[in-house]
Amino acid sequence: LEELPRVHRELGNWWSVTPGSQILWTTAVDNVLSGERYANPSGDLKNLLLGRYGPFPFYWPSDEIYKKVFGPDWKKIVDEQWGLEEIKPVDLEAEKKTLEEKIGRKATTEELVLYLQHPTDAIAFFKFEEQFGKTFVLPPQVWFRQGGFKIGEKITFTDYKGKLHIIEVGPTHETDGKKVTHFTIDLHPVVLVTEIEEKKVAVTALTREEIDALAQVGDIRAPFNASIQKIEVKIGDIVKSGDVVIIIEAMKMQTPLISEVEGTVEKIFVKEGDQVKMGDRLVLIRKK
């Protein structure tokens, strides 16, 4: 609570809705969790400091913050990159083709629009609905029910068309690594079979210091829980220190992860769209 207004003042008293509010509070939270202020700047924070969201209306952040975020060459970076970026025309047909390849079917105009705005989240959302059905059918009180449902419990709700539905929860049992759940939906018996996730062996989480130390030898780890937005390299690529290797996304905030070493990309442990946790291995670079 103390850090957020402090960040607000330091970043030019700048406030707006998304991405503004998210830049402020995610920066504040990271400052507290990492123990070092502005040590892990997001791509959106960098864009803010480079004027990509417009000029600061009141005053500029201090030189110390620019140095923290961009390093000792911050003045050169600001001089060369300051200002709004030109938005290049989008080839809608090409983007639609890419989308359809990812989801394995024809895409609607609405799906294309969502994909253009949030590529990673949109694909995950489309695949979720293909597996479990349309999300708008169930009301929030069912979606966000805490603690699950009891056997024999009846769930009554009206759908988006005004039609009344009754779901009665039946018994469950496990067989061959699967859980079988019985329901009665509008008096029709339904059986739902789901795979039981294997329990993962608990591992000791890496600290921020350990993650930073591994990066110095070419072992790039996730700095926080996120999804893989884009992989900028492939196995065998030669990278230099400062090259962007992977872009991760959390809460619609994109953060580029750079190589701290010069060398060759030896292994890539993730693919675009994957969900990763803090400390998960992403890319291994063989140091030159």
C-alpha atoms as a PDB file:
ATOM      1  CA  LEU A   1       0.000   0.000   0.000  1.00  0.00           C
ATOM      2  CA  GLU A   2       2.907   2.348   0.620  1.00  0.00           C
ATOM      3  CA  GLU A   3       4.785   1.352  -2.543  1.00  0.00           C
ATOM      4  CA  LEU A   4       1.978   2.004  -5.060  1.00  0.00           C
ATOM      5  CA  PRO A   5       1.573   5.764  -4.408  1.00  0.00           C
ATOM      6  CA  ARG A   6       5.363   6.053  -4.314  1.00  0.00           C
ATOM      7  CA  VAL A   7       5.650   4.455  -7.772  1.00  0.00           C
ATOM      8  CA  HIS A   8       2.804   6.688  -8.953  1.00  0.00           C
ATOM      9  CA  ARG A   9       4.735   9.804  -7.994  1.00  0.00           C
ATOM     10  CA  GLU A  10       8.032   8.510  -9.370  1.00  0.00           C
ATOM     11  CA  LEU A  11       6.533   7.669 -12.766  1.00  0.00           C
ATOM     12  CA  GLY A  12       5.451  11.218 -13.495  1.00  0.00           C
ATOM     13  CA  ASN A  13       2.144  11.179 -11.582  1.00  0.00           C
ATOM     14  CA  TRP A  14       0.891   9.269 -14.600  1.00  0.00           C
ATOM     15  CA  TRP A  15      -2.314   7.303 -14.290  1.00  0.00           C
ATOM     16  CA  SER A  16      -4.796   5.842 -16.701  1.00  0.00           C
ATOM     17  CA  VAL A  17      -6.734   2.669 -17.305  1.00  0.00           C
ATOM     18  CA  THR A  18      -5.097  -0.373 -18.908  1.00  0.00           C
ATOM     19  CA  PRO A  19      -2.195  -0.471 -19.472  1.00  0.00           C
ATOM     20  CA  GLY A  20      -1.505   2.463 -17.145  1.00  0.00           C
ATOM     21  CA  SER A  21      -2.927   1.129 -13.904  1.00  0.00           C
ATOM     22  CA  GLN A  22      -1.392  -2.295 -14.506  1.00  0.00           C
ATOM     23  CA  ILE A  23       2.047  -0.835 -15.164  1.00  0.00           C
ATOM     24  CA  LEU A  24       1.878   0.995 -11.852  1.00  0.00           C
ATOM     25  CA  TRP A  25       0.655  -1.789  -9.593  1.00  0.00           C
ATOM     26  CA  THR A  26       2.678  -4.596 -11.183  1.00  0.00           C
ATOM     27  CA  THR A  27       5.805  -2.453 -10.874  1.00  0.00           C
ATOM     28  CA  ALA A  28       4.968  -1.717  -7.244  1.00  0.00           C
ATOM     29  CA  VAL A  29       4.359  -5.391  -6.440  1.00  0.00           C
ATOM     30  CA  ASP A  30       7.579  -6.458  -8.165  1.00  0.00           C
ATOM     31  CA  ASN A  31       9.525  -3.803  -6.268  1.00  0.00           C
ATOM     32  CA  VAL A  32       8.298  -5.288  -2.993  1.00  0.00           C
ATOM     33  CA  LEU A  33       8.699  -8.958  -3.912  1.00  0.00           C
ATOM     34  CA  SER A  34      12.143  -8.633  -5.486  1.00  0.00           C
ATOM     35  CA  GLY A  35      13.546  -6.477  -2.715  1.00  0.00           C
ATOM     36  CA  GLU A  36      15.185  -4.230  -5.301  1.00  0.00           C
ATOM     37  CA  ARG A  37      13.177  -1.430  -6.831  1.00  0.00           C
ATOM     38  CA  TYR A  38      12.822  -1.406 -10.658  1.00  0.00           C
ATOM     39  CA  ALA A  39      15.098  -4.467 -10.895  1.00  0.00           C
ATOM     40  CA  ASN A  40      12.813  -6.396 -13.255  1.00  0.00           C
ATOM     41  CA  PRO A  41      11.102  -3.837 -15.534  1.00  0.00           C
ATOM     42  CA  SER A  42       8.330  -5.097 -17.789  1.00  0.00           C
ATOM     43  CA  GLY A  43       8.211  -4.313 -21.482  1.00  0.00           C
ATOM     44  CA  ASP A  44       5.236  -2.054 -20.836  1.00  0.00           C
ATOM     45  CA  LEU A  45       7.118  -0.063 -18.197  1.00  0.00           C
ATOM     46  CA  LYS A  46       9.901   0.470 -20.728  1.00  0.00           C
ATOM     47  CA  ASN A  47       7.352   1.588 -23.314  1.00  0.00           C
ATOM     48  CA  LEU A  48       5.906   4.064 -20.825  1.00  0.00           C
ATOM     49  CA  LEU A  49       9.329   5.555 -20.116  1.00  0.00           C
ATOM     50  CA  LEU A  50      10.003   5.784 -23.868  1.00  0.00           C
ATOM     51  CA  GLY A  51       6.834   7.784 -24.493  1.00  0.00           C
ATOM     52  CA  ARG A  52       5.113   4.958 -26.370  1.00  0.00           C
ATOM     53  CA  TYR A  53       1.860   5.791 -24.585  1.00  0.00           C
ATOM     54  CA  GLY A  54       2.257   9.514 -25.134  1.00  0.00           C
ATOM     55  CA  PRO A  55       4.265  12.215 -23.326  1.00  0.00           C
ATOM     56  CA  PHE A  56       4.187  12.552 -19.548  1.00  0.00           C
ATOM     57  CA  PRO A  57       1.525  15.181 -18.763  1.00  0.00           C
ATOM     58  CA  PHE A  58       3.128  16.610 -15.606  1.00  0.00           C
ATOM     59  CA  TYR A  59       6.816  15.754 -15.269  1.00  0.00           C
ATOM     60  CA  TRP A  60       9.371  13.150 -16.318  1.00  0.00           C
ATOM     61  CA  PRO A  61      10.549  10.368 -14.007  1.00  0.00           C
ATOM     62  CA  SER A  62      14.022  10.903 -12.564  1.00  0.00           C
ATOM     63  CA  ASP A  63      17.261   9.984 -14.317  1.00  0.00           C
ATOM     64  CA  GLU A  64      17.875   7.371 -11.603  1.00  0.00           C
ATOM     65  CA  ILE A  65      14.773   5.426 -12.647  1.00  0.00           C
ATOM     66  CA  TYR A  66      15.742   5.550 -16.324  1.00  0.00           C
ATOM     67  CA  LYS A  67      19.194   4.227 -15.403  1.00  0.00           C
ATOM     68  CA  LYS A  68      17.657   1.437 -13.311  1.00  0.00           C
ATOM     69  CA  VAL A  69      15.354   0.360 -16.135  1.00  0.00           C
ATOM     70  CA  PHE A  70      17.612   0.779 -19.183  1.00  0.00           C
ATOM     71  CA  GLY A  71      21.111   0.584 -17.728  1.00  0.00           C
ATOM     72  CA  PRO A  72      24.072   2.957 -18.107  1.00  0.00           C
ATOM     73  CA  ASP A  73      23.292   3.698 -21.778  1.00  0.00           C
ATOM     74  CA  TRP A  74      19.792   4.921 -20.971  1.00  0.00           C
ATOM     75  CA  LYS A  75      20.301   8.377 -22.497  1.00  0.00           C
ATOM     76  CA  LYS A  76      21.272   6.898 -25.852  1.00  0.00           C
ATOM     77  CA  ILE A  77      18.317   4.499 -25.744  1.00  0.00           C
ATOM     78  CA  VAL A  78      15.862   7.306 -24.975  1.00  0.00           C
ATOM     79  CA  ASP A  79      17.294   9.543 -27.711  1.00  0.00           C
ATOM     80  CA  GLU A  80      17.055   6.778 -30.323  1.00  0.00           C
ATOM     81  CA  GLN A  81      13.752   5.178 -29.322  1.00  0.00           C
ATOM     82  CA  TRP A  82      11.647   7.957 -27.800  1.00  0.00           C
ATOM     83  CA  GLY A  83       8.151   8.528 -29.136  1.00  0.00           C
ATOM     84  CA  LEU A  84       5.129   6.768 -30.535  1.00  0.00           C
ATOM     85  CA  GLU A  85       5.784   3.749 -32.735  1.00  0.00           C
ATOM     86  CA  GLU A  86       4.354   3.553 -36.214  1.00  0.00           C
ATOM     87  CA  ILE A  87       1.625   0.949 -36.421  1.00  0.00           C
ATOM     88  CA  LYS A  88       2.253  -1.230 -39.435  1.00  0.00           C
ATOM     89  CA  PRO A  89      -0.704  -2.428 -41.542  1.00  0.00           C
ATOM     90  CA  VAL A  90      -1.961  -5.872 -40.560  1.00  0.00           C
ATOM     91  CA  ASP A  91      -2.492  -8.552 -43.189  1.00  0.00           C
ATOM     92  CA  LEU A  92      -5.833  -9.815 -41.911  1.00  0.00           C
ATOM     93  CA  GLU A  93      -5.958 -12.777 -44.275  1.00  0.00           C
ATOM     94  CA  ALA A  94      -2.499 -13.942 -43.210  1.00  0.00           C
ATOM     95  CA  GLU A  95      -3.353 -13.500 -39.525  1.00  0.00           C
ATOM     96  CA  LYS A  96      -6.604 -15.404 -39.970  1.00  0.00           C
ATOM     97  CA  LYS A  97      -4.750 -18.242 -41.686  1.00  0.00           C
ATOM     98  CA  THR A  98      -2.268 -18.405 -38.801  1.00  0.00           C
ATOM     99  CA  LEU A  99      -5.112 -18.452 -36.293  1.00  0.00           C
ATOM    100  CA  GLU A 100      -6.899 -21.250 -38.127  1.00  0.00           C
ATOM    101  CA  GLU A 101      -3.703 -23.307 -38.225  1.00  0.00           C
ATOM    102  CA  LYS A 102      -3.372 -22.952 -34.458  1.00  0.00           C
ATOM    103  CA  ILE A 103      -6.962 -23.930 -33.636  1.00  0.00           C
ATOM    104  CA  GLY A 104      -7.367 -26.470 -36.437  1.00  0.00           C
ATOM    105  CA  ARG A 105     -10.592 -25.074 -37.877  1.00  0.00           C
ATOM    106  CA  LYS A 106     -12.185 -22.044 -39.530  1.00  0.00           C
ATOM    107  CA  ALA A 107     -12.176 -18.895 -37.414  1.00  0.00           C
ATOM    108  CA  THR A 108     -14.975 -16.360 -37.069  1.00  0.00           C
ATOM    109  CA  THR A 109     -14.474 -12.611 -37.414  1.00  0.00           C
ATOM    110  CA  GLU A 110     -15.029 -12.207 -33.664  1.00  0.00           C
ATOM    111  CA  GLU A 111     -12.350 -14.798 -32.927  1.00  0.00           C
ATOM    112  CA  LEU A 112      -9.910 -13.054 -35.268  1.00  0.00           C
ATOM    113  CA  VAL A 113     -10.469  -9.709 -33.511  1.00  0.00           C
ATOM    114  CA  LEU A 114      -9.836 -11.302 -30.102  1.00  0.00           C
ATOM    115  CA  TYR A 115      -6.740 -13.086 -31.422  1.00  0.00           C
ATOM    116  CA  LEU A 116      -5.269  -9.850 -32.828  1.00  0.00           C
ATOM    117  CA  GLN A 117      -5.633  -8.195 -29.416  1.00  0.00           C
ATOM    118  CA  HIS A 118      -4.484 -11.057 -27.182  1.00  0.00           C
ATOM    119  CA  PRO A 119      -2.812 -13.793 -29.289  1.00  0.00           C
ATOM    120  CA  THR A 120      -1.765 -16.157 -26.498  1.00  0.00           C
ATOM    121  CA  ASP A 121      -4.804 -15.788 -24.258  1.00  0.00           C
ATOM    122  CA  ALA A 122      -7.183 -16.043 -27.217  1.00  0.00           C
ATOM    123  CA  ILE A 123      -5.783 -19.413 -28.337  1.00  0.00           C
ATOM    124  CA  ALA A 124      -5.994 -20.766 -24.780  1.00  0.00           C
ATOM    125  CA  PHE A 125      -9.577 -19.485 -24.497  1.00  0.00           C
ATOM    126  CA  PHE A 126     -10.688 -21.055 -27.796  1.00  0.00           C
ATOM    127  CA  LYS A 127      -9.187 -24.420 -26.840  1.00  0.00           C
ATOM    128  CA  PHE A 128     -10.794 -24.235 -23.397  1.00  0.00           C
ATOM    129  CA  GLU A 129     -14.228 -23.714 -24.929  1.00  0.00           C
ATOM    130  CA  GLU A 130     -13.675 -26.542 -27.395  1.00  0.00           C
ATOM    131  CA  GLN A 131     -12.988 -28.883 -24.489  1.00  0.00           C
ATOM    132  CA  PHE A 132     -15.528 -27.660 -21.945  1.00  0.00           C
ATOM    133  CA  GLY A 133     -18.142 -25.708 -23.907  1.00  0.00           C
ATOM    134  CA  LYS A 134     -19.123 -22.059 -24.181  1.00  0.00           C
ATOM    135  CA  THR A 135     -18.259 -20.072 -21.088  1.00  0.00           C
ATOM    136  CA  PHE A 136     -21.263 -17.751 -21.322  1.00  0.00           C
ATOM    137  CA  VAL A 137     -23.711 -20.603 -20.675  1.00  0.00           C
ATOM    138  CA  LEU A 138     -23.001 -20.813 -16.941  1.00  0.00           C
ATOM    139  CA  PRO A 139     -23.506 -17.762 -14.680  1.00  0.00           C
ATOM    140  CA  PRO A 140     -20.679 -16.410 -12.467  1.00  0.00           C
ATOM    141  CA  GLN A 141     -22.079 -17.978  -9.279  1.00  0.00           C
ATOM    142  CA  VAL A 142     -21.515 -21.389 -10.849  1.00  0.00           C
ATOM    143  CA  TRP A 143     -18.158 -20.602 -12.472  1.00  0.00           C
ATOM    144  CA  PHE A 144     -16.687 -19.086  -9.335  1.00  0.00           C
ATOM    145  CA  ARG A 145     -18.199 -21.454  -6.785  1.00  0.00           C
ATOM    146  CA  GLN A 146     -15.715 -22.034  -3.975  1.00  0.00           C
ATOM    147  CA  GLY A 147     -15.189 -25.540  -2.587  1.00  0.00           C
ATOM    148  CA  GLY A 148     -16.844 -27.502  -5.384  1.00  0.00           C
ATOM    149  CA  PHE A 149     -20.247 -29.184  -5.340  1.00  0.00           C
ATOM    150  CA  LYS A 150     -21.697 -31.888  -3.101  1.00  0.00           C
ATOM    151  CA  ILE A 151     -23.298 -35.129  -4.258  1.00  0.00           C
ATOM    152  CA  GLY A 152     -27.037 -34.645  -4.590  1.00  0.00           C
ATOM    153  CA  GLU A 153     -26.779 -30.865  -4.816  1.00  0.00           C
ATOM    154  CA  LYS A 154     -29.035 -29.170  -7.355  1.00  0.00           C
ATOM    155  CA  ILE A 155     -27.842 -26.129  -9.292  1.00  0.00           C
ATOM    156  CA  THR A 156     -30.590 -23.978 -10.763  1.00  0.00           C
ATOM    157  CA  PHE A 157     -29.928 -21.097 -13.134  1.00  0.00           C
ATOM    158  CA  THR A 158     -31.336 -19.234 -16.119  1.00  0.00           C
ATOM    159  CA  ASP A 159     -29.154 -19.146 -19.238  1.00  0.00           C
ATOM    160  CA  TYR A 160     -28.444 -16.194 -21.541  1.00  0.00           C
ATOM    161  CA  LYS A 161     -31.634 -16.928 -23.496  1.00  0.00           C
ATOM    162  CA  GLY A 162     -33.804 -16.931 -20.389  1.00  0.00           C
ATOM    163  CA  LYS A 163     -34.228 -20.706 -20.277  1.00  0.00           C
ATOM    164  CA  LEU A 164     -34.249 -22.402 -16.857  1.00  0.00           C
ATOM    165  CA  HIS A 165     -31.808 -25.269 -16.245  1.00  0.00           C
ATOM    166  CA  ILE A 166     -31.362 -27.720 -13.379  1.00  0.00           C
ATOM    167  CA  ILE A 167     -28.139 -29.660 -12.836  1.00  0.00           C
ATOM    168  CA  GLU A 168     -28.016 -32.370 -10.179  1.00  0.00           C
ATOM    169  CA  VAL A 169     -24.585 -33.566  -9.088  1.00  0.00           C
ATOM    170  CA  GLY A 170     -24.268 -37.344  -8.872  1.00  0.00           C
ATOM    171  CA  PRO A 171     -21.606 -39.698  -7.496  1.00  0.00           C
ATOM    172  CA  THR A 172     -18.008 -39.948  -8.701  1.00  0.00           C
ATOM    173  CA  HIS A 173     -15.508 -42.775  -8.900  1.00  0.00           C
ATOM    174  CA  GLU A 174     -12.003 -43.313 -10.236  1.00  0.00           C
ATOM    175  CA  THR A 175     -10.872 -45.939 -12.738  1.00  0.00           C
ATOM    176  CA  ASP A 176      -7.704 -46.390 -14.810  1.00  0.00           C
ATOM    177  CA  GLY A 177      -6.350 -42.974 -13.906  1.00  0.00           C
ATOM    178  CA  LYS A 178      -9.601 -41.209 -14.763  1.00  0.00           C
ATOM    179  CA  LYS A 179     -12.366 -39.661 -12.688  1.00  0.00           C
ATOM    180  CA  VAL A 180     -15.945 -40.429 -13.709  1.00  0.00           C
ATOM    181  CA  THR A 181     -18.631 -37.989 -12.553  1.00  0.00           C
ATOM    182  CA  HIS A 182     -22.363 -38.513 -13.031  1.00  0.00           C
ATOM    183  CA  PHE A 183     -24.762 -35.603 -13.553  1.00  0.00           C
ATOM    184  CA  THR A 184     -28.405 -35.122 -14.369  1.00  0.00           C
ATOM    185  CA  ILE A 185     -28.827 -32.086 -16.618  1.00  0.00           C
ATOM    186  CA  ASP A 186     -32.428 -31.052 -17.262  1.00  0.00           C
ATOM    187  CA  LEU A 187     -33.497 -34.632 -16.379  1.00  0.00           C
ATOM    188  CA  HIS A 188     -30.991 -36.136 -18.854  1.00  0.00           C
ATOM    189  CA  PRO A 189     -28.198 -38.348 -17.412  1.00  0.00           C
ATOM    190  CA  VAL A 190     -24.680 -37.218 -18.350  1.00  0.00           C
ATOM    191  CA  VAL A 191     -21.333 -38.851 -17.576  1.00  0.00           C
ATOM    192  CA  LEU A 192     -18.177 -36.714 -17.507  1.00  0.00           C
ATOM    193  CA  VAL A 193     -14.798 -38.463 -17.730  1.00  0.00           C
ATOM    194  CA  THR A 194     -11.658 -36.468 -16.918  1.00  0.00           C
ATOM    195  CA  GLU A 195      -7.990 -37.367 -16.690  1.00  0.00           C
ATOM    196  CA  ILE A 196      -6.521 -37.279 -13.193  1.00  0.00           C
ATOM    197  CA  GLU A 197      -3.465 -35.064 -13.120  1.00  0.00           C
ATOM    198  CA  GLU A 198      -0.346 -36.704 -11.789  1.00  0.00           C
ATOM    199  CA  LYS A 199       0.919 -35.187  -8.587  1.00  0.00           C
ATOM    200  CA  LYS A 200       4.161 -33.401  -9.283  1.00  0.00           C
ATOM    201  CA  VAL A 201       7.085 -33.825  -6.965  1.00  0.00           C
ATOM    202  CA  ALA A 202       7.466 -30.669  -4.935  1.00  0.00           C
ATOM    203  CA  VAL A 203      10.628 -28.759  -5.752  1.00  0.00           C
ATOM    204  CA  THR A 204      12.242 -25.915  -3.901  1.00  0.00           C
ATOM    205  CA  ALA A 205      11.428 -22.644  -5.639  1.00  0.00           C
ATOM    206  CA  LEU A 206      14.342 -20.598  -6.907  1.00  0.00           C
ATOM    207  CA  THR A 207      14.902 -17.160  -5.466  1.00  0.00           C
ATOM    208  CA  ARG A 208      15.208 -14.066  -7.638  1.00  0.00           C
ATOM    209  CA  GLU A 209      18.938 -13.987  -6.875  1.00  0.00           C
ATOM    210  CA  GLU A 210      19.353 -17.594  -8.042  1.00  0.00           C
ATOM    211  CA  ILE A 211      17.394 -16.905 -11.248  1.00  0.00           C
ATOM    212  CA  ASP A 212      19.580 -13.868 -11.980  1.00  0.00           C
ATOM    213  CA  ALA A 213      22.743 -15.888 -11.306  1.00  0.00           C
ATOM    214  CA  LEU A 214      21.653 -18.657 -13.689  1.00  0.00           C
ATOM    215  CA  ALA A 215      20.954 -16.070 -16.403  1.00  0.00           C
ATOM    216  CA  GLN A 216      24.578 -14.942 -16.165  1.00  0.00           C
ATOM    217  CA  VAL A 217      25.689 -18.395 -17.390  1.00  0.00           C
ATOM    218  CA  GLY A 218      23.036 -18.702 -20.114  1.00  0.00           C
ATOM    219  CA  ASP A 219      20.384 -20.641 -18.175  1.00  0.00           C
ATOM    220  CA  ILE A 220      17.278 -18.484 -18.623  1.00  0.00           C
ATOM    221  CA  ARG A 221      14.467 -19.111 -16.117  1.00  0.00           C
ATOM    222  CA  ALA A 222      10.999 -17.607 -15.694  1.00  0.00           C
ATOM    223  CA  PRO A 223      11.232 -14.617 -13.311  1.00  0.00           C
ATOM    224  CA  PHE A 224       7.568 -15.055 -12.319  1.00  0.00           C
ATOM    225  CA  ASN A 225       4.446 -17.048 -13.211  1.00  0.00           C
ATOM    226  CA  ALA A 226       3.458 -16.235 -16.788  1.00  0.00           C
ATOM    227  CA  SER A 227       2.605 -17.561 -20.223  1.00  0.00           C
ATOM    228  CA  ILE A 228       5.001 -17.809 -23.152  1.00  0.00           C
ATOM    229  CA  GLN A 229       3.935 -15.085 -25.562  1.00  0.00           C
ATOM    230  CA  LYS A 230       6.650 -15.406 -28.210  1.00  0.00           C
ATOM    231  CA  ILE A 231       9.916 -17.278 -28.689  1.00  0.00           C
ATOM    232  CA  GLU A 232      12.350 -15.087 -30.605  1.00  0.00           C
ATOM    233  CA  VAL A 233      15.075 -17.696 -31.167  1.00  0.00           C
ATOM    234  CA  LYS A 234      15.503 -21.265 -32.368  1.00  0.00           C
ATOM    235  CA  ILE A 235      18.027 -23.963 -31.557  1.00  0.00           C
ATOM    236  CA  GLY A 236      21.377 -23.167 -33.151  1.00  0.00           C
ATOM    237  CA  ASP A 237      20.875 -19.393 -33.260  1.00  0.00           C
ATOM    238  CA  ILE A 238      23.797 -17.176 -32.269  1.00  0.00           C
ATOM    239  CA  VAL A 239      22.761 -14.556 -29.712  1.00  0.00           C
ATOM    240  CA  LYS A 240      24.539 -11.594 -28.205  1.00  0.00           C
ATOM    241  CA  SER A 241      24.231 -10.160 -24.737  1.00  0.00           C
ATOM    242  CA  GLY A 242      21.095  -8.001 -24.689  1.00  0.00           C
ATOM    243  CA  ASP A 243      19.250  -9.900 -27.439  1.00  0.00           C
ATOM    244  CA  VAL A 244      15.609 -10.692 -26.687  1.00  0.00           C
ATOM    245  CA  VAL A 245      15.163 -14.450 -26.364  1.00  0.00           C
ATOM    246  CA  ILE A 246      11.596 -14.897 -25.139  1.00  0.00           C
ATOM    247  CA  ILE A 247       8.630 -12.628 -24.415  1.00  0.00           C
ATOM    248  CA  ILE A 248       6.439 -13.686 -21.502  1.00  0.00           C
ATOM    249  CA  GLU A 249       3.044 -12.340 -20.520  1.00  0.00           C
ATOM    250  CA  ALA A 250       1.251 -12.004 -17.199  1.00  0.00           C
ATOM    251  CA  MET A 251      -1.966 -10.044 -16.671  1.00  0.00           C
ATOM    252  CA  LYS A 252      -1.736  -8.719 -20.253  1.00  0.00           C
ATOM    253  CA  MET A 253       1.694  -7.250 -19.452  1.00  0.00           C
ATOM    254  CA  GLN A 254       4.478  -8.386 -21.755  1.00  0.00           C
ATOM    255  CA  THR A 255       8.049  -8.716 -20.500  1.00  0.00           C
ATOM    256  CA  PRO A 256      10.986  -9.463 -22.828  1.00  0.00           C
ATOM    257  CA  LEU A 257      13.673 -11.746 -21.393  1.00  0.00           C
ATOM    258  CA  ILE A 258      17.137 -11.022 -22.724  1.00  0.00           C
ATOM    259  CA  SER A 259      20.296 -13.072 -22.964  1.00  0.00           C
ATOM    260  CA  GLU A 260      22.985 -12.035 -20.517  1.00  0.00           C
ATOM    261  CA  VAL A 261      25.642 -13.900 -22.493  1.00  0.00           C
ATOM    262  CA  GLU A 262      26.941 -14.285 -26.021  1.00  0.00           C
ATOM    263  CA  GLY A 263      26.611 -17.817 -27.322  1.00  0.00           C
ATOM    264  CA  THR A 264      24.538 -20.451 -29.116  1.00  0.00           C
ATOM    265  CA  VAL A 265      20.968 -21.480 -28.291  1.00  0.00           C
ATOM    266  CA  GLU A 266      21.362 -25.102 -27.207  1.00  0.00           C
ATOM    267  CA  LYS A 267      17.916 -26.013 -25.860  1.00  0.00           C
ATOM    268  CA  ILE A 268      14.414 -24.521 -25.725  1.00  0.00           C
ATOM    269  CA  PHE A 269      12.258 -26.065 -23.009  1.00  0.00           C
ATOM    270  CA  VAL A 270       8.913 -24.389 -23.767  1.00  0.00           C
ATOM    271  CA  LYS A 271       6.635 -23.516 -26.659  1.00  0.00           C
ATOM    272  CA  GLU A 272       4.416 -20.513 -27.312  1.00  0.00           C
ATOM    273  CA  GLY A 273       1.268 -20.609 -25.199  1.00  0.00           C
ATOM    274  CA  ASP A 274       2.797 -22.657 -22.371  1.00  0.00           C
ATOM    275  CA  GLN A 275       2.119 -21.649 -18.778  1.00  0.00           C
ATOM    276  CA  VAL A 276       5.267 -21.440 -16.661  1.00  0.00           C
ATOM    277  CA  LYS A 277       6.009 -20.861 -13.005  1.00  0.00           C
ATOM    278  CA  MET A 278       8.734 -18.798 -11.429  1.00  0.00           C
ATOM    279  CA  GLY A 279      12.029 -20.636 -11.827  1.00  0.00           C
ATOM    280  CA  ASP A 280      10.936 -22.887 -14.696  1.00  0.00           C
ATOM    281  CA  ARG A 281      13.617 -23.461 -17.290  1.00  0.00           C
ATOM    282  CA  LEU A 282      12.998 -21.655 -20.585  1.00  0.00           C
ATOM    283  CA  VAL A 283      16.140 -21.532 -22.732  1.00  0.00           C
ATOM    284  CA  LEU A 284      19.701 -22.776 -22.386  1.00  0.00           C
ATOM    285  CA  ILE A 285      22.451 -20.834 -24.158  1.00  0.00           C
ATOM    286  CA  ARG A 286      25.927 -22.317 -24.476  1.00  0.00           C
ATOM    287  CA  LYS A 287      28.217 -19.484 -23.530  1.00  0.00           C
ATOM    288  CA  LYS A 288      30.877 -18.554 -26.077  1.00  0.00           C
END
